[in-house]
Amino acid sequence: MKPAYPHLSAAALAIALGTAFAAMPAAAQQPEKEKCFGVAMKGKNDCAAGAGTTCAGTAKVDYQGNAWAYVPKGTCEKTMSKSSPTGYGQLKEFQEKKA
């Protein structure tokens, strides 16, 4: 037996699938990230790098203390930073240590 309105069945399936995918939490779609200061390379920061800069790609030097990059949550303070007082990325901007 053929359905009387096959196009309605296809539409109902499309709506059901669309609703199911829309209900998925954002966390399941993308891993959590955090801003990590002092780990971006020159010109590779993710957004504003302090005074005199506007947004992504404006870091003037490697490991700039007021420039940040997104990293997977929980990894920032384990990521090497040559300018950081601790030698690792920081969750807040910092004054670079003198070499």
Protein backbone atom coordinates (compact mmCIF):
# COMPACT_ATOMS: atom_id res chain seq x y z
CA MET A 1 0.00 0.00 0.00
CA LYS A 2 1.40 3.38 -1.02
CA PRO A 3 1.02 6.40 1.26
CA ALA A 4 -1.62 8.80 -0.02
CA TYR A 5 0.69 11.78 0.46
CA PRO A 6 4.35 10.65 0.22
CA HIS A 7 5.64 14.22 0.12
CA LEU A 8 4.09 14.84 3.55
CA SER A 9 5.96 11.87 5.02
CA ALA A 10 9.26 13.22 3.68
CA ALA A 11 8.48 16.68 5.03
CA ALA A 12 7.59 15.27 8.45
CA LEU A 13 10.87 13.33 8.52
CA ALA A 14 12.86 16.44 7.57
CA ILE A 15 11.18 18.47 10.31
CA ALA A 16 11.76 15.75 12.89
CA LEU A 17 15.45 15.45 12.02
CA GLY A 18 15.90 19.21 11.97
CA THR A 19 14.32 19.51 15.40
CA ALA A 20 16.50 16.72 16.79
CA PHE A 21 19.73 18.33 15.54
CA ALA A 22 18.69 21.78 16.74
CA ALA A 23 18.11 20.41 20.23
CA MET A 24 21.70 19.12 20.54
CA PRO A 25 23.65 21.16 23.10
CA ALA A 26 26.39 23.41 21.72
CA ALA A 27 28.96 21.77 24.00
CA ALA A 28 28.46 18.48 22.19
CA GLN A 29 29.16 20.17 18.88
CA GLN A 30 32.37 22.04 19.77
CA PRO A 31 34.91 21.55 22.55
CA GLU A 32 35.11 24.31 25.15
CA LYS A 33 37.87 26.84 24.64
CA GLU A 34 39.43 29.59 26.74
CA LYS A 35 41.50 32.69 26.07
CA CYS A 36 45.18 32.09 26.73
CA PHE A 37 47.51 35.09 26.96
CA GLY A 38 51.14 34.91 25.92
CA VAL A 39 50.96 31.91 23.61
CA ALA A 40 50.12 33.52 20.25
CA MET A 41 52.81 33.99 17.62
CA LYS A 42 53.39 37.34 15.91
CA GLY A 43 50.34 38.15 13.78
CA LYS A 44 48.52 34.97 14.86
CA ASN A 45 46.50 36.13 17.90
CA ASP A 46 42.75 35.51 17.91
CA CYS A 47 41.63 39.03 18.79
CA ALA A 48 42.53 42.42 20.33
CA ALA A 49 46.11 42.50 21.56
CA GLY A 50 46.02 45.47 23.90
CA ALA A 51 46.35 49.18 23.26
CA GLY A 52 46.92 50.20 19.67
CA THR A 53 45.54 47.00 18.13
CA THR A 54 42.12 46.20 16.81
CA CYS A 55 41.60 42.48 16.42
CA ALA A 56 42.90 39.16 15.11
CA GLY A 57 46.38 39.00 13.66
CA THR A 58 47.69 42.18 15.31
CA ALA A 59 50.21 40.78 17.82
CA LYS A 60 53.50 42.56 17.17
CA VAL A 61 55.80 39.89 18.67
CA ASP A 62 55.72 36.19 19.57
CA TYR A 63 54.35 35.43 23.06
CA GLN A 64 53.02 38.99 23.58
CA GLY A 65 51.62 39.23 27.11
CA ASN A 66 48.45 41.09 26.14
CA ALA A 67 47.71 39.00 23.03
CA TRP A 68 45.68 35.83 23.31
CA ALA A 69 44.69 32.76 21.35
CA TYR A 70 41.88 30.29 21.96
CA VAL A 71 43.09 26.96 23.33
CA PRO A 72 41.18 23.90 24.56
CA LYS A 73 39.84 24.56 28.07
CA GLY A 74 42.29 23.46 30.76
CA THR A 75 45.42 23.59 28.58
CA CYS A 76 46.40 27.27 28.78
CA GLU A 77 48.55 27.08 31.88
CA LYS A 78 50.28 23.98 30.45
CA THR A 79 51.17 25.69 27.16
CA MET A 80 54.72 27.09 26.88
CA SER A 81 55.16 30.88 26.79
CA LYS A 82 58.66 32.34 26.57
CA SER A 83 57.51 35.73 27.87
CA SER A 84 55.37 34.63 30.83
CA PRO A 85 56.71 34.94 34.39
CA THR A 86 55.78 31.27 34.91
CA GLY A 87 56.94 30.07 31.50
CA TYR A 88 53.38 29.08 30.58
CA GLY A 89 50.28 30.75 29.15
CA GLN A 90 48.14 32.82 31.48
CA LEU A 91 44.37 33.27 31.78
CA LYS A 92 44.85 37.05 32.15
CA GLU A 93 47.15 39.42 30.32
CA PHE A 94 50.55 40.00 31.90
CA GLN A 95 53.70 42.09 31.67
CA GLU A 96 56.34 40.15 29.72
CA LYS A 97 59.42 39.12 31.68
CA LYS A 98 62.73 40.64 30.63
CA ALA A 99 65.07 38.30 28.77
